[in-house]
Structure formats: structure tokens, C-alpha cells
Amino acid sequence: MALNERQNEILRILKEKKKVNVNELSKLFYVSEATIRRDLVEMNGMGLVERSHGGALLPENSEEISIFFRMEKNAQEKERAATKALPYIPPFKSVFIDSSSTALALAERMDFSHKTVVTNNLQTAIQLSKKPNVTLVMLGGMVQYNTISATGSWTARQLEDFKFDLMISSGAAVLDGNAYERSLDQKEIKRAAFERSQKRILLIDGTKFGAHGAYRLTGLEDYDFVATDCPPPKELEGKDITFIY
């Protein structure tokens, strides 16, 4: 479900104030309180807010945004990045696909016949289970409601038993030529997969350049290529980074 314009604005306000009131929102948007409550119920269902008495709160794990919201947000940009990457995928027999909606956009375009696919994302596993002749492995762990993915230290430890030809992943942010994540759990899982992969591909849409991320994963030069929907920032030109755009 896509957010409507009012819900997007409510989410923006929540990120600033951490809490919203139904009565105040009703006056702000010139709609009934019942309409605002319906908005909040829908947003709660997507994991974007937590209902509270008289309003809503920003969830404690709001840094990991609902995958349903991420799939809708910048969807065209993510589709373009996936399309750009597709012709450059190297031959592989085994692949790790992370929990990002951008990696899912690419995975849906790929042929995994007679290949082994490992992922920690339930939505990716569901989609790939529909493809024939795929050896599909779903990692276990604590499942986050927002991301619909297995996460935590146990999930990361399971990756010690694998060796991958290819890793397909995205990231929360790119800062100073480095890939960053918003949560330590995601960083640890991706680092474990990164270290066990022969080839690594990073998919990012242009909004990730300069975005916020607290946990550094690795430098962009460590990826075989970085696929994006637009030219990279000027400050990254001339560096030992292979961009596909």
C-alpha cells in the first residue's frame, strides 16, 4: 500500500517531533479526526507508527523503515538501478541477497535456475520460491515486523557456514565514499556475507548519497561495482570506484 500525500506529511512531522496528536493533525490538514485516525491505522499496519492515546508515536526501531514503505518509496529510482545492474551480473552458482527492497527489485529480474540463493528477507524468499529449480535458503533469527527480515547476531553467525560467488545488497547511506547502515544488526549481517562473497554488488538510488547512516560497512571501492539510477556526486569522481548508471 502506498502512502498518500497526507500520510507522507504525517510521517515527516513524526520524524521531527516523535509524537503527533489526532486533534492537531485534524486542524492542520482540514480533515476530520476520523480521517486522521484511519491514516494512523494504515500507517500502523505498515509499521511506520505506533498508536498512542490520542495520536501516534515514532516506533523505537524507526531507523529500520517498513519494507512495504521502502518498496513504494523511490520505486522508479530503485527499478532503474536494478535495470542498470542486470547486464553486469557476473556468472554465479551461489548468491546472498540482503533484506533491501532495491536488491529485491533486481532479484525479481534474475534467473536463479539451478542456483543456490540465501537471504534473510521473507519477502525475497516468498518471491523467489515461485521460481523453478532454485535452491532457496532462508536464514533464521528474530523477525523484525518493519523489515520482514531475520536479524540479530544468530542470523549473522549462520553465514559462517556459507561461501558465496555473489552478494547483492543495498545500503542505507553513502557518505564520503563509504557504505553505511542505520542499524548495527544489519551492518553485522551484511559484513558477514560480504566477507564470504567472491563478488559484491551494491545497488543504491540517488537519495542514498549523503543520507544518514551510523554504522560504516565498507568503502565503495570494495564492491565490484555500484549500480545507481543517476551519476554519482562530483566528490566521488576519480576514485577507484566502478559506477554503473
Protein backbone atom coordinates (compact mmCIF):
# COMPACT_ATOMS: atom_id res chain seq x y z
CA MET A 1 0.00 0.00 0.00
CA ALA A 2 1.41 3.39 -0.99
CA LEU A 3 1.24 6.33 1.38
CA ASN A 4 -0.98 9.19 0.30
CA GLU A 5 0.27 12.77 0.35
CA ARG A 6 -1.20 13.47 3.80
CA GLN A 7 0.30 10.31 5.30
CA ASN A 8 3.72 11.21 3.90
CA GLU A 9 3.44 14.60 5.56
CA ILE A 10 2.36 12.98 8.85
CA LEU A 11 5.44 10.76 8.68
CA ARG A 12 7.65 13.80 8.07
CA ILE A 13 6.16 15.56 11.11
CA LEU A 14 6.63 12.43 13.22
CA LYS A 15 10.30 12.24 12.33
CA GLU A 16 10.70 15.81 13.58
CA LYS A 17 8.51 15.72 16.69
CA LYS A 18 8.48 11.96 17.51
CA LYS A 19 4.80 12.27 18.51
CA VAL A 20 1.60 13.55 16.85
CA ASN A 21 -1.89 14.34 18.12
CA VAL A 22 -5.06 13.45 16.20
CA ASN A 23 -6.79 16.73 17.07
CA GLU A 24 -3.79 18.82 15.98
CA LEU A 25 -3.40 16.88 12.73
CA SER A 26 -7.10 17.25 12.01
CA LYS A 27 -6.80 21.03 12.23
CA LEU A 28 -3.55 21.11 10.29
CA PHE A 29 -4.92 19.17 7.32
CA TYR A 30 -8.51 20.45 7.48
CA VAL A 31 -9.96 16.94 7.70
CA SER A 32 -11.98 15.10 10.33
CA GLU A 33 -10.39 13.33 13.28
CA ALA A 34 -11.87 10.08 11.92
CA THR A 35 -9.90 10.57 8.70
CA ILE A 36 -6.67 11.11 10.65
CA ARG A 37 -7.34 8.01 12.75
CA ARG A 38 -7.79 5.95 9.56
CA ASP A 39 -4.47 7.32 8.29
CA LEU A 40 -2.74 6.32 11.51
CA VAL A 41 -4.32 2.86 11.49
CA GLU A 42 -3.00 2.27 7.96
CA MET A 43 0.44 3.61 8.87
CA ASN A 44 0.48 1.44 11.99
CA GLY A 45 -0.24 -1.57 9.78
CA MET A 46 2.82 -0.75 7.70
CA GLY A 47 4.99 -0.47 10.81
CA LEU A 48 5.60 3.25 10.34
CA VAL A 49 3.94 4.46 13.56
CA GLU A 50 2.84 3.21 16.96
CA ARG A 51 -0.66 4.19 18.06
CA SER A 52 -0.92 6.06 21.35
CA HIS A 53 -3.78 7.62 23.30
CA GLY A 54 -4.97 10.49 21.15
CA GLY A 55 -2.33 10.15 18.48
CA ALA A 56 0.76 8.22 17.42
CA LEU A 57 4.45 7.82 18.20
CA LEU A 58 7.52 7.16 16.09
CA PRO A 59 8.49 3.49 16.68
CA GLU A 60 11.66 2.78 18.66
CA ASN A 61 13.04 0.85 15.68
CA SER A 62 12.02 3.55 13.20
CA GLU A 63 15.54 3.61 11.74
CA GLU A 64 14.56 0.35 10.04
CA ILE A 65 11.66 1.50 7.90
CA SER A 66 8.91 -0.89 6.82
CA ILE A 67 9.86 -2.78 3.67
CA PHE A 68 6.40 -2.05 2.26
CA PHE A 69 7.12 1.66 2.58
CA ARG A 70 10.63 1.19 1.18
CA MET A 71 9.25 -0.73 -1.80
CA GLU A 72 6.99 2.22 -2.62
CA LYS A 73 9.46 4.99 -1.78
CA ASN A 74 11.64 5.96 -4.75
CA ALA A 75 10.32 2.88 -6.56
CA GLN A 76 11.17 4.17 -10.02
CA GLU A 77 14.72 5.05 -8.97
CA LYS A 78 15.22 1.58 -7.49
CA GLU A 79 13.83 -0.05 -10.62
CA ARG A 80 16.27 1.95 -12.75
CA ALA A 81 19.24 0.98 -10.57
CA ALA A 82 18.22 -2.70 -10.81
CA THR A 83 17.81 -2.45 -14.58
CA LYS A 84 21.25 -0.86 -14.93
CA ALA A 85 22.88 -3.63 -12.87
CA LEU A 86 21.26 -6.59 -14.62
CA PRO A 87 23.56 -6.81 -17.71
CA TYR A 88 26.65 -6.69 -15.48
CA ILE A 89 25.81 -9.59 -13.17
CA PRO A 90 28.78 -12.00 -13.31
CA PRO A 91 28.30 -15.78 -13.63
CA PHE A 92 27.48 -17.40 -10.29
CA LYS A 93 26.19 -20.56 -8.67
CA SER A 94 25.52 -19.21 -5.19
CA VAL A 95 24.33 -15.77 -4.07
CA PHE A 96 23.41 -13.89 -0.91
CA ILE A 97 20.61 -11.31 -1.27
CA ASP A 98 20.13 -8.86 1.57
CA SER A 99 16.85 -7.56 3.02
CA SER A 100 16.68 -4.38 0.92
CA SER A 101 13.80 -3.56 -1.40
CA THR A 102 16.34 -2.50 -4.06
CA ALA A 103 18.02 -5.91 -4.05
CA LEU A 104 14.56 -7.48 -4.32
CA ALA A 105 13.87 -5.35 -7.40
CA LEU A 106 16.94 -6.87 -9.08
CA ALA A 107 16.28 -10.41 -7.83
CA GLU A 108 12.85 -10.43 -9.43
CA ARG A 109 14.53 -9.87 -12.82
CA MET A 110 17.18 -12.58 -12.47
CA ASP A 111 17.29 -16.24 -13.49
CA PHE A 112 18.14 -18.43 -10.49
CA SER A 113 17.58 -21.80 -12.14
CA HIS A 114 19.91 -24.43 -10.67
CA LYS A 115 21.48 -21.87 -8.34
CA THR A 116 21.61 -21.52 -4.56
CA VAL A 117 20.08 -18.38 -3.10
CA VAL A 118 20.48 -17.39 0.56
CA THR A 119 18.54 -14.48 2.05
CA ASN A 120 17.37 -13.15 5.41
CA ASN A 121 14.34 -11.42 3.90
CA LEU A 122 10.94 -13.14 3.97
CA GLN A 123 9.54 -11.10 1.09
CA THR A 124 12.52 -12.03 -1.11
CA ALA A 125 12.18 -15.68 -0.12
CA ILE A 126 8.47 -15.67 -0.97
CA GLN A 127 9.07 -14.15 -4.39
CA LEU A 128 11.95 -16.46 -5.28
CA SER A 129 10.07 -19.54 -4.05
CA LYS A 130 7.82 -19.06 -7.09
CA LYS A 131 10.77 -19.53 -9.45
CA PRO A 132 11.51 -23.09 -10.65
CA ASN A 133 14.63 -25.13 -9.88
CA VAL A 134 16.00 -22.77 -7.22
CA THR A 135 17.76 -23.99 -4.08
CA LEU A 136 16.46 -21.38 -1.65
CA VAL A 137 17.80 -20.97 1.89
CA MET A 138 16.06 -18.68 4.38
CA LEU A 139 18.23 -17.63 7.32
CA GLY A 140 16.68 -17.80 10.77
CA GLY A 141 16.64 -15.25 13.55
CA MET A 142 14.46 -12.66 15.23
CA VAL A 143 12.00 -11.39 12.63
CA GLN A 144 11.52 -7.63 12.56
CA TYR A 145 7.97 -6.53 11.83
CA ASN A 146 9.10 -3.47 9.91
CA THR A 147 11.66 -5.09 7.63
CA ILE A 148 10.12 -8.59 7.50
CA SER A 149 13.63 -9.98 7.80
CA ALA A 150 15.56 -12.22 10.15
CA THR A 151 18.10 -10.21 12.06
CA GLY A 152 20.43 -10.35 15.04
CA SER A 153 23.72 -11.98 15.96
CA TRP A 154 22.41 -15.53 15.41
CA THR A 155 21.46 -14.64 11.83
CA ALA A 156 24.97 -13.28 11.24
CA ARG A 157 26.58 -16.41 12.75
CA GLN A 158 24.68 -18.67 10.35
CA LEU A 159 26.51 -17.03 7.48
CA GLU A 160 29.76 -18.53 8.76
CA ASP A 161 28.64 -21.82 7.19
CA PHE A 162 28.40 -20.36 3.66
CA LYS A 163 30.65 -19.29 0.82
CA PHE A 164 29.06 -17.19 -1.95
CA ASP A 165 30.02 -16.46 -5.52
CA LEU A 166 28.00 -13.25 -5.38
CA MET A 167 26.48 -10.80 -2.90
CA ILE A 168 23.66 -8.46 -3.95
CA SER A 169 22.93 -5.73 -1.43
CA SER A 170 21.90 -2.15 -0.93
CA GLY A 171 22.70 0.31 1.84
CA ALA A 172 21.09 2.96 3.99
CA ALA A 173 23.53 5.70 3.07
CA VAL A 174 26.69 6.61 1.16
CA LEU A 175 28.95 9.12 2.90
CA ASP A 176 32.47 10.11 1.86
CA GLY A 177 32.78 7.10 -0.41
CA ASN A 178 31.64 4.60 2.24
CA ALA A 179 28.51 2.47 2.59
CA TYR A 180 26.63 2.87 5.88
CA GLU A 181 23.77 1.12 7.65
CA ARG A 182 21.24 2.52 10.14
CA SER A 183 21.27 -0.49 12.47
CA LEU A 184 24.11 -2.49 13.94
CA ASP A 185 22.29 -5.77 13.27
CA GLN A 186 22.03 -5.06 9.55
CA LYS A 187 25.67 -3.99 9.44
CA GLU A 188 26.82 -7.23 11.10
CA ILE A 189 24.75 -9.43 8.76
CA LYS A 190 25.96 -7.66 5.64
CA ARG A 191 29.56 -7.67 6.87
CA ALA A 192 29.40 -11.44 7.45
CA ALA A 193 28.01 -12.00 3.94
CA PHE A 194 30.48 -9.52 2.43
CA GLU A 195 33.47 -11.38 3.86
CA ARG A 196 32.20 -14.69 2.46
CA SER A 197 31.45 -13.47 -1.07
CA GLN A 198 33.79 -13.54 -4.05
CA LYS A 199 31.92 -10.81 -5.97
CA ARG A 200 29.92 -7.98 -4.38
CA ILE A 201 27.39 -5.64 -5.96
CA LEU A 202 25.91 -2.57 -4.30
CA LEU A 203 22.59 -1.15 -5.53
CA ILE A 204 21.61 2.34 -4.42
CA ASP A 205 19.27 5.04 -5.64
CA GLY A 206 20.45 8.62 -5.71
CA THR A 207 18.73 9.55 -2.45
CA LYS A 208 21.28 7.45 -0.53
CA PHE A 209 24.15 9.82 -1.37
CA GLY A 210 24.56 11.98 1.71
CA ALA A 211 21.78 10.23 3.65
CA HIS A 212 22.15 9.31 7.33
CA GLY A 213 23.79 6.09 8.49
CA ALA A 214 25.58 5.49 11.79
CA TYR A 215 27.40 2.21 11.08
CA ARG A 216 30.10 2.04 8.40
CA LEU A 217 30.10 -1.19 6.43
CA THR A 218 32.93 -0.71 3.92
CA GLY A 219 34.31 1.57 1.24
CA LEU A 220 32.62 1.68 -2.16
CA GLU A 221 35.89 0.63 -3.80
CA ASP A 222 35.49 -2.78 -2.14
CA TYR A 223 32.48 -3.56 -4.35
CA ASP A 224 32.95 -4.93 -7.85
CA PHE A 225 30.55 -2.25 -8.98
CA VAL A 226 27.98 0.18 -7.61
CA ALA A 227 24.76 0.44 -9.64
CA THR A 228 22.67 3.56 -9.26
CA ASP A 229 19.98 5.48 -11.12
CA CYS A 230 21.97 8.71 -11.53
CA PRO A 231 25.54 10.00 -11.83
CA PRO A 232 27.44 9.88 -8.52
CA PRO A 233 28.35 13.08 -6.68
CA LYS A 234 31.30 15.05 -8.04
CA GLU A 235 33.41 14.31 -4.97
CA LEU A 236 33.40 10.59 -5.83
CA GLU A 237 34.66 11.11 -9.37
CA GLY A 238 38.22 9.94 -9.96
CA LYS A 239 38.15 7.50 -7.05
CA ASP A 240 38.77 3.78 -7.56
CA ILE A 241 35.04 3.03 -7.66
CA THR A 242 33.20 1.40 -10.56
CA PHE A 243 29.82 3.06 -11.02
CA ILE A 244 27.10 1.75 -13.32
CA TYR A 245 24.39 4.32 -14.09
